[in-house]
Amino acid sequence: MPQHRHSTPPREAKLFRNNRSQAVRIPVEFELPGEKVLISRDGDRLIIEPVRKPGLTALLAQWAKEPPLGPEDDFPEIRDVPVRPEDIF
């Protein structure tokens, strides 16, 4: 479990209803980045964490799950013409 650091003292926040869900008004000093959060319960505590964008490691792991390319995956021939020398002086 990640270690939590309290850089600001705890503060009371207002609970309210949003349709059939309960919501909490988060004070500005506790504002989280992004548009989504992960919420979990630890006893009677609720833990709210920002959803972070996956990093390079997650992307590479996802690519590793992709099937390898085979002979049926035709790629067009690319004509790689050498660059001609150019007099720039």
PDB file of N, CA and C in Angstrom:
ATOM      1  N   MET A   1       0.844  -1.180   0.000  1.00  0.00           N
ATOM      2  CA  MET A   1       0.000   0.000   0.000  1.00  0.00           C
ATOM      3  C   MET A   1       0.888   1.242   0.000  1.00  0.00           C
ATOM      4  N   PRO A   2       0.572   2.255  -0.789  1.00  0.00           N
ATOM      5  CA  PRO A   2       1.418   3.442  -0.841  1.00  0.00           C
ATOM      6  C   PRO A   2       1.407   4.193   0.480  1.00  0.00           C
ATOM      7  N   GLN A   3       2.522   4.829   0.757  1.00  0.00           N
ATOM      8  CA  GLN A   3       2.623   5.626   1.970  1.00  0.00           C
ATOM      9  C   GLN A   3       1.969   6.984   1.710  1.00  0.00           C
ATOM     10  N   HIS A   4       1.099   7.401   2.632  1.00  0.00           N
ATOM     11  CA  HIS A   4       0.385   8.662   2.468  1.00  0.00           C
ATOM     12  C   HIS A   4       1.057   9.735   3.309  1.00  0.00           C
ATOM     13  N   ARG A   5       1.260  10.881   2.718  1.00  0.00           N
ATOM     14  CA  ARG A   5       1.856  12.012   3.427  1.00  0.00           C
ATOM     15  C   ARG A   5       0.809  13.095   3.548  1.00  0.00           C
ATOM     16  N   HIS A   6       0.712  13.668   4.708  1.00  0.00           N
ATOM     17  CA  HIS A   6      -0.235  14.760   4.929  1.00  0.00           C
ATOM     18  C   HIS A   6       0.541  16.070   4.894  1.00  0.00           C
ATOM     19  N   SER A   7       0.435  16.787   3.790  1.00  0.00           N
ATOM     20  CA  SER A   7       1.121  18.068   3.709  1.00  0.00           C
ATOM     21  C   SER A   7       0.219  19.201   4.183  1.00  0.00           C
ATOM     22  N   THR A   8      -1.071  18.924   4.324  1.00  0.00           N
ATOM     23  CA  THR A   8      -2.006  19.911   4.870  1.00  0.00           C
ATOM     24  C   THR A   8      -2.813  19.228   5.966  1.00  0.00           C
ATOM     25  N   PRO A   9      -3.229  19.974   6.960  1.00  0.00           N
ATOM     26  CA  PRO A   9      -4.009  19.345   8.031  1.00  0.00           C
ATOM     27  C   PRO A   9      -5.374  18.897   7.514  1.00  0.00           C
ATOM     28  N   PRO A  10      -5.959  17.872   8.151  1.00  0.00           N
ATOM     29  CA  PRO A  10      -7.289  17.420   7.734  1.00  0.00           C
ATOM     30  C   PRO A  10      -8.311  18.546   7.837  1.00  0.00           C
ATOM     31  N   ARG A  11      -9.304  18.491   6.967  1.00  0.00           N
ATOM     32  CA  ARG A  11     -10.353  19.503   6.947  1.00  0.00           C
ATOM     33  C   ARG A  11     -11.693  18.839   6.748  1.00  0.00           C
ATOM     34  N   GLU A  12     -12.714  19.396   7.338  1.00  0.00           N
ATOM     35  CA  GLU A  12     -14.053  18.887   7.114  1.00  0.00           C
ATOM     36  C   GLU A  12     -14.515  19.257   5.715  1.00  0.00           C
ATOM     37  N   ALA A  13     -15.236  18.339   5.065  1.00  0.00           N
ATOM     38  CA  ALA A  13     -15.771  18.605   3.728  1.00  0.00           C
ATOM     39  C   ALA A  13     -17.241  18.220   3.711  1.00  0.00           C
ATOM     40  N   LYS A  14     -17.992  18.838   2.816  1.00  0.00           N
ATOM     41  CA  LYS A  14     -19.434  18.622   2.753  1.00  0.00           C
ATOM     42  C   LYS A  14     -19.766  17.429   1.862  1.00  0.00           C
ATOM     43  N   LEU A  15     -20.665  16.578   2.361  1.00  0.00           N
ATOM     44  CA  LEU A  15     -21.209  15.479   1.575  1.00  0.00           C
ATOM     45  C   LEU A  15     -22.549  15.930   1.009  1.00  0.00           C
ATOM     46  N   PHE A  16     -22.870  15.459  -0.202  1.00  0.00           N
ATOM     47  CA  PHE A  16     -24.165  15.782  -0.795  1.00  0.00           C
ATOM     48  C   PHE A  16     -24.564  14.671  -1.752  1.00  0.00           C
ATOM     49  N   ARG A  17     -25.790  14.700  -2.216  1.00  0.00           N
ATOM     50  CA  ARG A  17     -26.303  13.718  -3.159  1.00  0.00           C
ATOM     51  C   ARG A  17     -26.217  14.259  -4.572  1.00  0.00           C
ATOM     52  N   ASN A  18     -25.797  13.419  -5.492  1.00  0.00           N
ATOM     53  CA  ASN A  18     -25.783  13.740  -6.911  1.00  0.00           C
ATOM     54  C   ASN A  18     -26.530  12.584  -7.580  1.00  0.00           C
ATOM     55  N   ASN A  19     -27.823  12.786  -7.860  1.00  0.00           N
ATOM     56  CA  ASN A  19     -28.718  11.713  -8.309  1.00  0.00           C
ATOM     57  C   ASN A  19     -28.730  10.625  -7.241  1.00  0.00           C
ATOM     58  N   ARG A  20     -28.328   9.406  -7.571  1.00  0.00           N
ATOM     59  CA  ARG A  20     -28.351   8.320  -6.591  1.00  0.00           C
ATOM     60  C   ARG A  20     -26.986   8.084  -5.946  1.00  0.00           C
ATOM     61  N   SER A  21     -25.998   8.902  -6.267  1.00  0.00           N
ATOM     62  CA  SER A  21     -24.651   8.738  -5.712  1.00  0.00           C
ATOM     63  C   SER A  21     -24.383   9.773  -4.634  1.00  0.00           C
ATOM     64  N   GLN A  22     -23.567   9.391  -3.678  1.00  0.00           N
ATOM     65  CA  GLN A  22     -23.095  10.352  -2.686  1.00  0.00           C
ATOM     66  C   GLN A  22     -21.826  10.988  -3.228  1.00  0.00           C
ATOM     67  N   ALA A  23     -21.671  12.270  -3.014  1.00  0.00           N
ATOM     68  CA  ALA A  23     -20.494  12.994  -3.508  1.00  0.00           C
ATOM     69  C   ALA A  23     -19.903  13.795  -2.368  1.00  0.00           C
ATOM     70  N   VAL A  24     -18.655  14.194  -2.543  1.00  0.00           N
ATOM     71  CA  VAL A  24     -17.973  15.010  -1.543  1.00  0.00           C
ATOM     72  C   VAL A  24     -17.416  16.241  -2.249  1.00  0.00           C
ATOM     73  N   ARG A  25     -17.582  17.381  -1.632  1.00  0.00           N
ATOM     74  CA  ARG A  25     -17.030  18.623  -2.180  1.00  0.00           C
ATOM     75  C   ARG A  25     -15.588  18.716  -1.685  1.00  0.00           C
ATOM     76  N   ILE A  26     -14.644  18.654  -2.618  1.00  0.00           N
ATOM     77  CA  ILE A  26     -13.223  18.630  -2.259  1.00  0.00           C
ATOM     78  C   ILE A  26     -12.689  20.056  -2.215  1.00  0.00           C
ATOM     79  N   PRO A  27     -12.165  20.490  -1.054  1.00  0.00           N
ATOM     80  CA  PRO A  27     -11.581  21.833  -0.958  1.00  0.00           C
ATOM     81  C   PRO A  27     -10.401  21.994  -1.920  1.00  0.00           C
ATOM     82  N   VAL A  28     -10.165  23.210  -2.360  1.00  0.00           N
ATOM     83  CA  VAL A  28      -9.166  23.497  -3.389  1.00  0.00           C
ATOM     84  C   VAL A  28      -7.770  22.991  -3.012  1.00  0.00           C
ATOM     85  N   GLU A  29      -7.403  23.024  -1.744  1.00  0.00           N
ATOM     86  CA  GLU A  29      -6.046  22.574  -1.370  1.00  0.00           C
ATOM     87  C   GLU A  29      -5.878  21.057  -1.482  1.00  0.00           C
ATOM     88  N   PHE A  30      -6.981  20.329  -1.682  1.00  0.00           N
ATOM     89  CA  PHE A  30      -6.918  18.882  -1.864  1.00  0.00           C
ATOM     90  C   PHE A  30      -7.227  18.479  -3.304  1.00  0.00           C
ATOM     91  N   GLU A  31      -7.290  19.443  -4.203  1.00  0.00           N
ATOM     92  CA  GLU A  31      -7.653  19.195  -5.590  1.00  0.00           C
ATOM     93  C   GLU A  31      -6.734  18.156  -6.222  1.00  0.00           C
ATOM     94  N   LEU A  32      -7.322  17.272  -7.033  1.00  0.00           N
ATOM     95  CA  LEU A  32      -6.569  16.211  -7.700  1.00  0.00           C
ATOM     96  C   LEU A  32      -6.466  16.506  -9.192  1.00  0.00           C
ATOM     97  N   PRO A  33      -5.383  16.063  -9.831  1.00  0.00           N
ATOM     98  CA  PRO A  33      -5.248  16.277 -11.275  1.00  0.00           C
ATOM     99  C   PRO A  33      -6.126  15.298 -12.048  1.00  0.00           C
ATOM    100  N   GLY A  34      -6.431  15.631 -13.285  1.00  0.00           N
ATOM    101  CA  GLY A  34      -7.158  14.728 -14.164  1.00  0.00           C
ATOM    102  C   GLY A  34      -8.658  14.822 -14.012  1.00  0.00           C
ATOM    103  N   GLU A  35      -9.336  13.850 -14.639  1.00  0.00           N
ATOM    104  CA  GLU A  35     -10.795  13.828 -14.642  1.00  0.00           C
ATOM    105  C   GLU A  35     -11.367  12.601 -13.949  1.00  0.00           C
ATOM    106  N   LYS A  36     -10.511  11.648 -13.591  1.00  0.00           N
ATOM    107  CA  LYS A  36     -10.974  10.423 -12.942  1.00  0.00           C
ATOM    108  C   LYS A  36     -10.115  10.112 -11.727  1.00  0.00           C
ATOM    109  N   VAL A  37     -10.708   9.379 -10.781  1.00  0.00           N
ATOM    110  CA  VAL A  37      -9.991   8.933  -9.596  1.00  0.00           C
ATOM    111  C   VAL A  37     -10.271   7.460  -9.358  1.00  0.00           C
ATOM    112  N   LEU A  38      -9.391   6.832  -8.605  1.00  0.00           N
ATOM    113  CA  LEU A  38      -9.628   5.485  -8.090  1.00  0.00           C
ATOM    114  C   LEU A  38     -10.077   5.655  -6.653  1.00  0.00           C
ATOM    115  N   ILE A  39     -11.091   4.924  -6.259  1.00  0.00           N
ATOM    116  CA  ILE A  39     -11.561   5.004  -4.874  1.00  0.00           C
ATOM    117  C   ILE A  39     -11.554   3.599  -4.302  1.00  0.00           C
ATOM    118  N   SER A  40     -11.032   3.476  -3.084  1.00  0.00           N
ATOM    119  CA  SER A  40     -10.993   2.176  -2.410  1.00  0.00           C
ATOM    120  C   SER A  40     -11.302   2.395  -0.935  1.00  0.00           C
ATOM    121  N   ARG A  41     -11.606   1.308  -0.258  1.00  0.00           N
ATOM    122  CA  ARG A  41     -11.952   1.378   1.159  1.00  0.00           C
ATOM    123  C   ARG A  41     -10.899   0.619   1.953  1.00  0.00           C
ATOM    124  N   ASP A  42     -10.496   1.189   3.073  1.00  0.00           N
ATOM    125  CA  ASP A  42      -9.581   0.559   4.018  1.00  0.00           C
ATOM    126  C   ASP A  42     -10.245   0.706   5.383  1.00  0.00           C
ATOM    127  N   GLY A  43     -11.020  -0.296   5.768  1.00  0.00           N
ATOM    128  CA  GLY A  43     -11.811  -0.182   6.999  1.00  0.00           C
ATOM    129  C   GLY A  43     -12.881   0.871   6.799  1.00  0.00           C
ATOM    130  N   ASP A  44     -12.912   1.881   7.680  1.00  0.00           N
ATOM    131  CA  ASP A  44     -13.892   2.958   7.513  1.00  0.00           C
ATOM    132  C   ASP A  44     -13.311   4.158   6.771  1.00  0.00           C
ATOM    133  N   ARG A  45     -12.102   4.014   6.248  1.00  0.00           N
ATOM    134  CA  ARG A  45     -11.467   5.088   5.463  1.00  0.00           C
ATOM    135  C   ARG A  45     -11.728   4.896   3.989  1.00  0.00           C
ATOM    136  N   LEU A  46     -11.974   5.999   3.293  1.00  0.00           N
ATOM    137  CA  LEU A  46     -12.038   5.975   1.832  1.00  0.00           C
ATOM    138  C   LEU A  46     -10.749   6.587   1.318  1.00  0.00           C
ATOM    139  N   ILE A  47     -10.147   5.940   0.342  1.00  0.00           N
ATOM    140  CA  ILE A  47      -8.898   6.428  -0.238  1.00  0.00           C
ATOM    141  C   ILE A  47      -9.206   6.836  -1.674  1.00  0.00           C
ATOM    142  N   ILE A  48      -8.920   8.083  -1.993  1.00  0.00           N
ATOM    143  CA  ILE A  48      -9.169   8.612  -3.332  1.00  0.00           C
ATOM    144  C   ILE A  48      -7.828   8.988  -3.943  1.00  0.00           C
ATOM    145  N   GLU A  49      -7.519   8.391  -5.092  1.00  0.00           N
ATOM    146  CA  GLU A  49      -6.237   8.636  -5.764  1.00  0.00           C
ATOM    147  C   GLU A  49      -6.487   9.013  -7.219  1.00  0.00           C
ATOM    148  N   PRO A  50      -5.672   9.906  -7.779  1.00  0.00           N
ATOM    149  CA  PRO A  50      -5.849  10.249  -9.190  1.00  0.00           C
ATOM    150  C   PRO A  50      -5.501   9.059 -10.079  1.00  0.00           C
ATOM    151  N   VAL A  51      -6.219   8.933 -11.189  1.00  0.00           N
ATOM    152  CA  VAL A  51      -5.877   7.922 -12.197  1.00  0.00           C
ATOM    153  C   VAL A  51      -4.755   8.518 -13.026  1.00  0.00           C
ATOM    154  N   ARG A  52      -3.631   7.878 -13.012  1.00  0.00           N
ATOM    155  CA  ARG A  52      -2.473   8.375 -13.742  1.00  0.00           C
ATOM    156  C   ARG A  52      -2.442   7.760 -15.133  1.00  0.00           C
ATOM    157  N   LYS A  53      -1.951   8.522 -16.086  1.00  0.00           N
ATOM    158  CA  LYS A  53      -1.799   7.998 -17.440  1.00  0.00           C
ATOM    159  C   LYS A  53      -0.711   6.933 -17.405  1.00  0.00           C
ATOM    160  N   PRO A  54      -0.910   5.844 -18.144  1.00  0.00           N
ATOM    161  CA  PRO A  54       0.105   4.795 -18.124  1.00  0.00           C
ATOM    162  C   PRO A  54       1.427   5.297 -18.704  1.00  0.00           C
ATOM    163  N   GLY A  55       2.510   4.890 -18.107  1.00  0.00           N
ATOM    164  CA  GLY A  55       3.838   5.295 -18.565  1.00  0.00           C
ATOM    165  C   GLY A  55       4.360   4.384 -19.662  1.00  0.00           C
ATOM    166  N   LEU A  56       5.589   4.574 -20.017  1.00  0.00           N
ATOM    167  CA  LEU A  56       6.233   3.816 -21.085  1.00  0.00           C
ATOM    168  C   LEU A  56       6.264   2.324 -20.765  1.00  0.00           C
ATOM    169  N   THR A  57       6.502   1.961 -19.512  1.00  0.00           N
ATOM    170  CA  THR A  57       6.568   0.547 -19.137  1.00  0.00           C
ATOM    171  C   THR A  57       5.239  -0.138 -19.419  1.00  0.00           C
ATOM    172  N   ALA A  58       4.124   0.522 -19.067  1.00  0.00           N
ATOM    173  CA  ALA A  58       2.800  -0.058 -19.314  1.00  0.00           C
ATOM    174  C   ALA A  58       2.534  -0.180 -20.815  1.00  0.00           C
ATOM    175  N   LEU A  59       2.958   0.800 -21.583  1.00  0.00           N
ATOM    176  CA  LEU A  59       2.766   0.759 -23.025  1.00  0.00           C
ATOM    177  C   LEU A  59       3.549  -0.400 -23.640  1.00  0.00           C
ATOM    178  N   LEU A  60       4.805  -0.578 -23.223  1.00  0.00           N
ATOM    179  CA  LEU A  60       5.621  -1.673 -23.749  1.00  0.00           C
ATOM    180  C   LEU A  60       5.036  -3.029 -23.353  1.00  0.00           C
ATOM    181  N   ALA A  61       4.512  -3.132 -22.136  1.00  0.00           N
ATOM    182  CA  ALA A  61       3.890  -4.384 -21.697  1.00  0.00           C
ATOM    183  C   ALA A  61       2.653  -4.689 -22.540  1.00  0.00           C
ATOM    184  N   GLN A  62       1.894  -3.658 -22.872  1.00  0.00           N
ATOM    185  CA  GLN A  62       0.708  -3.840 -23.713  1.00  0.00           C
ATOM    186  C   GLN A  62       1.120  -4.305 -25.104  1.00  0.00           C
ATOM    187  N   TRP A  63       2.153  -3.698 -25.658  1.00  0.00           N
ATOM    188  CA  TRP A  63       2.641  -4.091 -26.985  1.00  0.00           C
ATOM    189  C   TRP A  63       3.157  -5.527 -26.979  1.00  0.00           C
ATOM    190  N   ALA A  64       3.757  -5.968 -25.861  1.00  0.00           N
ATOM    191  CA  ALA A  64       4.294  -7.322 -25.771  1.00  0.00           C
ATOM    192  C   ALA A  64       3.179  -8.358 -25.888  1.00  0.00           C
ATOM    193  N   LYS A  65       1.944  -7.990 -25.541  1.00  0.00           N
ATOM    194  CA  LYS A  65       0.808  -8.908 -25.632  1.00  0.00           C
ATOM    195  C   LYS A  65       0.291  -9.050 -27.063  1.00  0.00           C
ATOM    196  N   GLU A  66       0.658  -8.123 -27.928  1.00  0.00           N
ATOM    197  CA  GLU A  66       0.205  -8.161 -29.323  1.00  0.00           C
ATOM    198  C   GLU A  66       0.857  -9.337 -30.038  1.00  0.00           C
ATOM    199  N   PRO A  67       0.107 -10.012 -30.922  1.00  0.00           N
ATOM    200  CA  PRO A  67       0.721 -11.119 -31.667  1.00  0.00           C
ATOM    201  C   PRO A  67       1.806 -10.594 -32.605  1.00  0.00           C
ATOM    202  N   PRO A  68       2.864 -11.368 -32.819  1.00  0.00           N
ATOM    203  CA  PRO A  68       3.937 -10.910 -33.714  1.00  0.00           C
ATOM    204  C   PRO A  68       3.440 -10.818 -35.153  1.00  0.00           C
ATOM    205  N   LEU A  69       4.078  -9.980 -35.925  1.00  0.00           N
ATOM    206  CA  LEU A  69       3.731  -9.840 -37.337  1.00  0.00           C
ATOM    207  C   LEU A  69       4.203 -11.073 -38.087  1.00  0.00           C
ATOM    208  N   GLY A  70       3.392 -11.515 -39.036  1.00  0.00           N
ATOM    209  CA  GLY A  70       3.738 -12.694 -39.826  1.00  0.00           C
ATOM    210  C   GLY A  70       3.839 -12.353 -41.299  1.00  0.00           C
ATOM    211  N   PRO A  71       4.060 -13.355 -42.123  1.00  0.00           N
ATOM    212  CA  PRO A  71       4.202 -13.119 -43.566  1.00  0.00           C
ATOM    213  C   PRO A  71       2.936 -12.552 -44.193  1.00  0.00           C
ATOM    214  N   GLU A  72       1.778 -12.788 -43.565  1.00  0.00           N
ATOM    215  CA  GLU A  72       0.525 -12.259 -44.123  1.00  0.00           C
ATOM    216  C   GLU A  72       0.404 -10.751 -43.932  1.00  0.00           C
ATOM    217  N   ASP A  73       1.254 -10.173 -43.099  1.00  0.00           N
ATOM    218  CA  ASP A  73       1.241  -8.722 -42.881  1.00  0.00           C
ATOM    219  C   ASP A  73       2.189  -8.064 -43.878  1.00  0.00           C
ATOM    220  N   ASP A  74       1.667  -7.783 -45.066  1.00  0.00           N
ATOM    221  CA  ASP A  74       2.487  -7.195 -46.127  1.00  0.00           C
ATOM    222  C   ASP A  74       2.661  -5.698 -45.908  1.00  0.00           C
ATOM    223  N   PHE A  75       3.878  -5.274 -46.016  1.00  0.00           N
ATOM    224  CA  PHE A  75       4.188  -3.854 -45.948  1.00  0.00           C
ATOM    225  C   PHE A  75       4.717  -3.425 -47.312  1.00  0.00           C
ATOM    226  N   PRO A  76       4.365  -2.239 -47.773  1.00  0.00           N
ATOM    227  CA  PRO A  76       4.847  -1.805 -49.089  1.00  0.00           C
ATOM    228  C   PRO A  76       6.361  -1.603 -49.085  1.00  0.00           C
ATOM    229  N   GLU A  77       6.951  -1.822 -50.215  1.00  0.00           N
ATOM    230  CA  GLU A  77       8.376  -1.555 -50.400  1.00  0.00           C
ATOM    231  C   GLU A  77       8.593  -0.051 -50.297  1.00  0.00           C
ATOM    232  N   ILE A  78       9.602   0.357 -49.584  1.00  0.00           N
ATOM    233  CA  ILE A  78       9.926   1.777 -49.459  1.00  0.00           C
ATOM    234  C   ILE A  78      11.214   2.031 -50.218  1.00  0.00           C
ATOM    235  N   ARG A  79      11.125   2.915 -51.183  1.00  0.00           N
ATOM    236  CA  ARG A  79      12.296   3.240 -51.990  1.00  0.00           C
ATOM    237  C   ARG A  79      13.125   4.257 -51.217  1.00  0.00           C
ATOM    238  N   ASP A  80      14.306   3.845 -50.794  1.00  0.00           N
ATOM    239  CA  ASP A  80      15.179   4.702 -49.991  1.00  0.00           C
ATOM    240  C   ASP A  80      16.312   5.204 -50.892  1.00  0.00           C
ATOM    241  N   VAL A  81      16.106   6.366 -51.483  1.00  0.00           N
ATOM    242  CA  VAL A  81      17.077   6.934 -52.414  1.00  0.00           C
ATOM    243  C   VAL A  81      18.135   7.694 -51.620  1.00  0.00           C
ATOM    244  N   PRO A  82      19.433   7.457 -51.932  1.00  0.00           N
ATOM    245  CA  PRO A  82      20.480   8.201 -51.220  1.00  0.00           C
ATOM    246  C   PRO A  82      20.347   9.711 -51.474  1.00  0.00           C
ATOM    247  N   VAL A  83      20.720  10.476 -50.499  1.00  0.00           N
ATOM    248  CA  VAL A  83      20.671  11.930 -50.616  1.00  0.00           C
ATOM    249  C   VAL A  83      21.826  12.388 -51.494  1.00  0.00           C
ATOM    250  N   ARG A  84      21.530  13.348 -52.400  1.00  0.00           N
ATOM    251  CA  ARG A  84      22.582  13.881 -53.273  1.00  0.00           C
ATOM    252  C   ARG A  84      23.373  14.929 -52.503  1.00  0.00           C
ATOM    253  N   PRO A  85      24.676  14.965 -52.709  1.00  0.00           N
ATOM    254  CA  PRO A  85      25.472  16.017 -52.063  1.00  0.00           C
ATOM    255  C   PRO A  85      25.028  17.377 -52.577  1.00  0.00           C
ATOM    256  N   GLU A  86      25.059  18.336 -51.706  1.00  0.00           N
ATOM    257  CA  GLU A  86      24.611  19.674 -52.062  1.00  0.00           C
ATOM    258  C   GLU A  86      25.677  20.665 -51.616  1.00  0.00           C
ATOM    259  N   ASP A  87      26.035  21.601 -52.503  1.00  0.00           N
ATOM    260  CA  ASP A  87      27.021  22.616 -52.174  1.00  0.00           C
ATOM    261  C   ASP A  87      26.312  23.742 -51.405  1.00  0.00           C
ATOM    262  N   ILE A  88      26.628  23.880 -50.137  1.00  0.00           N
ATOM    263  CA  ILE A  88      25.949  24.892 -49.322  1.00  0.00           C
ATOM    264  C   ILE A  88      26.824  26.132 -49.090  1.00  0.00           C
ATOM    265  N   PHE A  89      28.059  26.110 -49.597  1.00  0.00           N
ATOM    266  CA  PHE A  89      28.930  27.286 -49.411  1.00  0.00           C
ATOM    267  C   PHE A  89      29.193  27.986 -50.706  1.00  0.00           C
TER     268      PHE A  89
END
